[in-house]
Amino acid sequence: MRIGVVTFPGSNSDIDALNALAVAGVEPVTLWHESPDLSGVSAVILPGGFAYGDYIRAGVIARFSPVMRGVKDFAAAGGLVLGICNGFQVLAESGLVPGALLRNRSLRFASKIVAIKPERLDSPFTRAANGAPIHIPIAHGEGCYYADEATLDGLEASGRVLFRYVREDGCPALDPDDPANPNGSLRGIAGVCNEAGNVAGLMPHPERMSEEILGSDEGRQLIRSLVESAKEWEAAGRPAPRTKAEARA
């Protein structure tokens, strides 16, 4: 199976993502930003970095790249898309996930190991997680997740908050001023998904801790979740996504 990693001008975690996929046992494929052709991959990762130098604001120029036409079509057809850090910003600017990523509350670039915890274990992006806090790095200046109260309430009610920043005891860091909330994200949100559940954005970097030689392999469970879900999607004949409401009906 082949999973694609988009490279934009300024991407700096594309190699990490390609390596994490190889460690997970699938064939990684580089997808160039100038082409909408996704080469028949089974899932797509938008990696971290500074696409187009983060000019104007993070992700806003990358959303117009030809490859994003392919990514949008792929997502609309049910394909799995994971945006990590700058990739999360690109997804938000493209309208593929709700909300926005603002400057860190500290107004400083943040680079350290943080703890996040899956809110649910039945999503394509968390299914291989064990439910315990996951310690992986952040590296961003615009990672503060923001949405209006109605959107936040809707995300909570529909189970679309996938990850939150947590303290070492596993309690959510809901307060923007909590030291365990590294960027001031509202309600401690570190990752969300779209309504259909097949597109997700995550601010911390699981690919940078995907094998022991990197210091820890805690991030591998999230990469493995994507891989297992992509295999299942392929085996099922690439079905189009359904919202929870459609599934209940």
Protein backbone atom coordinates (compact mmCIF):
# COMPACT_ATOMS: atom_id res chain seq x y z
CA MET A 1 0.00 0.00 0.00
CA ARG A 2 1.16 3.53 -0.80
CA ILE A 3 0.57 6.66 1.29
CA GLY A 4 1.46 10.11 0.01
CA VAL A 5 3.23 12.98 1.75
CA VAL A 6 2.86 16.43 0.18
CA THR A 7 5.96 18.59 -0.16
CA PHE A 8 5.36 22.34 -0.29
CA PRO A 9 8.11 24.95 -0.61
CA GLY A 10 9.17 25.25 3.04
CA SER A 11 8.01 21.83 4.23
CA ASN A 12 10.51 20.51 6.77
CA SER A 13 8.84 17.41 8.22
CA ASP A 14 8.06 15.66 4.95
CA ILE A 15 11.13 13.43 5.29
CA ASP A 16 10.12 12.57 8.87
CA ALA A 17 6.64 11.62 7.67
CA LEU A 18 8.01 9.52 4.81
CA ASN A 19 10.27 7.70 7.27
CA ALA A 20 7.42 7.12 9.74
CA LEU A 21 5.36 5.53 6.98
CA ALA A 22 8.24 3.28 5.96
CA VAL A 23 8.68 2.23 9.59
CA ALA A 24 4.95 1.43 9.66
CA GLY A 25 5.44 -0.94 6.73
CA VAL A 26 3.91 0.92 3.80
CA GLU A 27 5.40 2.55 0.71
CA PRO A 28 5.76 6.31 1.19
CA VAL A 29 5.21 8.50 -1.87
CA THR A 30 6.29 12.13 -2.24
CA LEU A 31 3.53 14.32 -3.71
CA TRP A 32 4.79 17.56 -5.27
CA HIS A 33 2.81 20.73 -4.58
CA GLU A 34 2.63 21.73 -8.27
CA SER A 35 0.66 18.64 -9.33
CA PRO A 36 -2.94 17.72 -8.42
CA ASP A 37 -2.18 14.08 -9.27
CA LEU A 38 -2.03 12.02 -6.06
CA SER A 39 -0.61 8.95 -7.83
CA GLY A 40 -3.31 6.59 -6.62
CA VAL A 41 -2.27 6.70 -2.96
CA SER A 42 -4.43 5.25 -0.18
CA ALA A 43 -4.05 8.20 2.22
CA VAL A 44 -2.39 11.62 2.32
CA ILE A 45 -0.31 13.40 4.94
CA LEU A 46 0.20 17.16 4.83
CA PRO A 47 3.41 17.55 6.87
CA GLY A 48 4.82 20.19 9.14
CA GLY A 49 7.00 23.07 8.04
CA PHE A 50 6.52 26.60 6.81
CA ALA A 51 4.72 26.27 3.48
CA TYR A 52 5.59 29.26 1.31
CA GLY A 53 7.42 30.74 4.28
CA ASP A 54 4.15 31.31 6.16
CA TYR A 55 3.87 34.61 4.32
CA ILE A 56 0.59 36.43 5.06
CA ARG A 57 -0.29 33.71 7.60
CA ALA A 58 0.43 30.02 7.99
CA GLY A 59 -1.17 27.81 5.34
CA VAL A 60 -3.03 30.53 3.48
CA ILE A 61 -0.89 30.40 0.31
CA ALA A 62 -0.52 26.61 0.33
CA ARG A 63 -4.29 26.23 0.14
CA PHE A 64 -4.09 27.48 -3.47
CA SER A 65 -1.42 24.95 -4.54
CA PRO A 66 -2.48 22.62 -7.39
CA VAL A 67 -1.98 19.61 -5.12
CA MET A 68 -4.75 20.85 -2.84
CA ARG A 69 -7.26 20.42 -5.68
CA GLY A 70 -6.31 16.77 -5.68
CA VAL A 71 -6.44 16.58 -1.89
CA LYS A 72 -9.92 18.11 -1.78
CA ASP A 73 -11.22 15.71 -4.43
CA PHE A 74 -9.59 12.80 -2.62
CA ALA A 75 -11.17 13.81 0.69
CA ALA A 76 -14.58 14.28 -0.92
CA ALA A 77 -14.34 10.72 -2.24
CA GLY A 78 -13.69 9.38 1.26
CA GLY A 79 -9.89 9.33 1.25
CA LEU A 80 -8.06 9.75 4.54
CA VAL A 81 -6.13 13.00 4.98
CA LEU A 82 -4.01 13.89 8.01
CA GLY A 83 -2.55 17.37 8.42
CA ILE A 84 0.25 17.71 10.98
CA CYS A 85 1.26 21.13 12.34
CA ASN A 86 1.60 23.28 9.19
CA GLY A 87 -0.54 20.65 7.48
CA PHE A 88 -3.26 21.32 10.07
CA GLN A 89 -3.00 25.02 9.25
CA VAL A 90 -3.35 24.28 5.53
CA LEU A 91 -6.44 22.12 6.15
CA ALA A 92 -8.04 24.85 8.24
CA GLU A 93 -7.30 27.54 5.65
CA SER A 94 -8.74 25.24 2.96
CA GLY A 95 -11.95 24.70 4.93
CA LEU A 96 -11.33 20.95 5.18
CA VAL A 97 -11.42 21.08 8.99
CA PRO A 98 -13.18 23.70 11.14
CA GLY A 99 -11.53 26.46 13.12
CA ALA A 100 -8.31 28.41 12.75
CA LEU A 101 -4.76 28.30 14.11
CA LEU A 102 -3.66 31.59 15.66
CA ARG A 103 -0.39 32.87 17.09
CA ASN A 104 0.61 31.11 20.28
CA ARG A 105 -0.76 32.84 23.35
CA SER A 106 2.83 33.51 24.46
CA LEU A 107 3.58 35.13 21.07
CA ARG A 108 6.69 32.93 21.01
CA PHE A 109 7.66 29.90 18.96
CA ALA A 110 7.10 26.74 21.04
CA SER A 111 9.35 23.69 20.70
CA LYS A 112 9.16 20.96 23.35
CA ILE A 113 7.63 17.61 24.23
CA VAL A 114 3.96 17.81 25.21
CA ALA A 115 1.34 15.31 26.30
CA ILE A 116 -1.86 14.81 24.33
CA LYS A 117 -4.64 12.30 24.83
CA PRO A 118 -7.14 10.89 22.33
CA GLU A 119 -10.71 11.86 23.09
CA ARG A 120 -11.96 8.76 21.27
CA LEU A 121 -10.41 5.55 20.04
CA ASP A 122 -12.82 4.72 17.22
CA SER A 123 -11.63 7.22 14.62
CA PRO A 124 -9.38 6.41 11.64
CA PHE A 125 -6.65 8.48 13.28
CA THR A 126 -6.78 7.03 16.82
CA ARG A 127 -7.84 3.40 16.42
CA ALA A 128 -4.37 2.01 17.24
CA ALA A 129 -3.86 4.29 20.26
CA ASN A 130 -4.01 2.77 23.74
CA GLY A 131 -5.88 5.68 25.31
CA ALA A 132 -2.98 6.81 27.50
CA PRO A 133 -1.32 10.24 27.18
CA ILE A 134 1.03 10.39 24.19
CA HIS A 135 4.27 12.34 24.54
CA ILE A 136 5.36 13.88 21.25
CA PRO A 137 6.97 17.17 20.21
CA ILE A 138 5.54 20.47 19.08
CA ALA A 139 7.33 23.03 16.92
CA HIS A 140 5.10 25.95 15.95
CA GLY A 141 4.45 29.65 16.30
CA GLU A 142 0.79 29.53 15.25
CA GLY A 143 -0.71 26.53 17.05
CA CYS A 144 -3.45 28.13 19.13
CA TYR A 145 -6.68 26.41 18.07
CA TYR A 146 -9.58 28.84 17.82
CA ALA A 147 -13.23 28.62 16.83
CA ASP A 148 -16.37 30.43 17.95
CA GLU A 149 -18.37 28.98 20.83
CA ALA A 150 -21.06 27.51 18.60
CA THR A 151 -18.46 25.68 16.52
CA LEU A 152 -16.66 24.43 19.63
CA ASP A 153 -19.92 23.17 21.11
CA GLY A 154 -20.74 21.43 17.83
CA LEU A 155 -17.32 19.77 17.73
CA GLU A 156 -17.76 18.51 21.28
CA ALA A 157 -21.28 17.25 20.68
CA SER A 158 -20.37 15.39 17.50
CA GLY A 159 -17.15 13.82 18.81
CA ARG A 160 -14.96 15.72 16.39
CA VAL A 161 -12.38 16.77 18.96
CA LEU A 162 -9.80 14.01 18.50
CA PHE A 163 -7.01 15.14 20.84
CA ARG A 164 -6.50 17.48 23.78
CA TYR A 165 -3.42 18.67 25.56
CA VAL A 166 -3.25 17.04 28.99
CA ARG A 167 -1.28 17.30 32.20
CA GLU A 168 0.89 14.43 33.36
CA ASP A 169 -2.00 13.04 35.39
CA GLY A 170 -4.02 12.79 32.16
CA CYS A 171 -6.41 15.62 33.05
CA PRO A 172 -7.25 17.92 30.10
CA ALA A 173 -5.49 21.28 30.02
CA LEU A 174 -8.68 23.18 29.21
CA ASP A 175 -7.50 26.56 30.47
CA PRO A 176 -5.54 28.52 27.82
CA ASP A 177 -3.17 29.59 30.61
CA ASP A 178 -2.49 26.05 31.82
CA PRO A 179 1.25 25.31 31.38
CA ALA A 180 0.30 21.97 29.83
CA ASN A 181 -1.57 23.84 27.09
CA PRO A 182 1.49 25.01 25.14
CA ASN A 183 -0.17 27.51 22.81
CA GLY A 184 -3.36 28.60 24.54
CA SER A 185 -5.71 26.49 22.41
CA LEU A 186 -9.35 26.86 23.36
CA ARG A 187 -10.60 23.93 25.43
CA GLY A 188 -7.15 22.40 25.16
CA ILE A 189 -7.82 21.18 21.63
CA ALA A 190 -4.81 19.63 19.89
CA GLY A 191 -6.60 17.92 16.98
CA VAL A 192 -9.99 17.84 15.24
CA CYS A 193 -11.64 16.10 12.32
CA ASN A 194 -14.19 17.04 9.68
CA GLU A 195 -17.86 16.06 9.85
CA ALA A 196 -17.37 12.86 7.85
CA GLY A 197 -14.41 11.84 10.02
CA ASN A 198 -11.95 11.18 7.19
CA VAL A 199 -9.92 14.42 7.41
CA ALA A 200 -8.04 15.36 10.57
CA GLY A 201 -5.66 18.06 11.73
CA LEU A 202 -3.17 17.54 14.56
CA MET A 203 -0.74 20.14 15.89
CA PRO A 204 1.96 17.99 17.62
CA HIS A 205 4.29 15.79 15.55
CA PRO A 206 3.78 12.00 15.88
CA GLU A 207 6.13 11.34 12.97
CA ARG A 208 9.07 12.81 14.90
CA MET A 209 8.72 10.07 17.52
CA SER A 210 7.86 7.06 15.40
CA GLU A 211 10.78 4.78 16.35
CA GLU A 212 13.02 4.25 19.36
CA ILE A 213 16.10 5.67 17.66
CA LEU A 214 14.34 9.06 17.73
CA GLY A 215 14.03 8.84 21.51
CA SER A 216 10.53 7.33 21.64
CA ASP A 217 8.06 5.54 19.43
CA GLU A 218 4.91 6.89 21.14
CA GLY A 219 3.89 8.69 17.96
CA ARG A 220 3.87 5.44 15.98
CA GLN A 221 0.44 4.51 17.29
CA LEU A 222 -1.07 7.47 15.44
CA ILE A 223 0.79 6.69 12.22
CA ARG A 224 -0.28 3.07 12.59
CA SER A 225 -3.88 4.21 13.03
CA LEU A 226 -3.76 5.99 9.67
CA VAL A 227 -2.12 3.00 7.98
CA GLU A 228 -4.62 0.47 9.35
CA SER A 229 -7.55 2.68 8.43
CA ALA A 230 -6.24 3.23 4.90
CA LYS A 231 -5.85 -0.53 4.43
CA GLU A 232 -9.43 -1.05 5.61
CA TRP A 233 -10.69 1.69 3.29
CA GLU A 234 -8.96 0.08 0.33
CA ALA A 235 -10.28 -3.38 1.24
CA ALA A 236 -13.82 -2.01 1.41
CA GLY A 237 -13.55 -0.62 -2.13
CA ARG A 238 -12.83 3.03 -1.24
CA PRO A 239 -16.32 3.87 0.07
CA ALA A 240 -17.40 7.50 0.31
CA PRO A 241 -17.54 8.90 3.86
CA ARG A 242 -20.74 9.25 5.85
CA THR A 243 -21.49 11.60 8.69
CA LYS A 244 -22.63 10.11 11.99
CA ALA A 245 -26.17 11.26 11.23
CA GLU A 246 -26.13 9.47 7.87
CA ALA A 247 -24.72 6.34 9.48
CA ARG A 248 -27.52 6.31 12.07
CA ALA A 249 -30.14 6.77 9.34
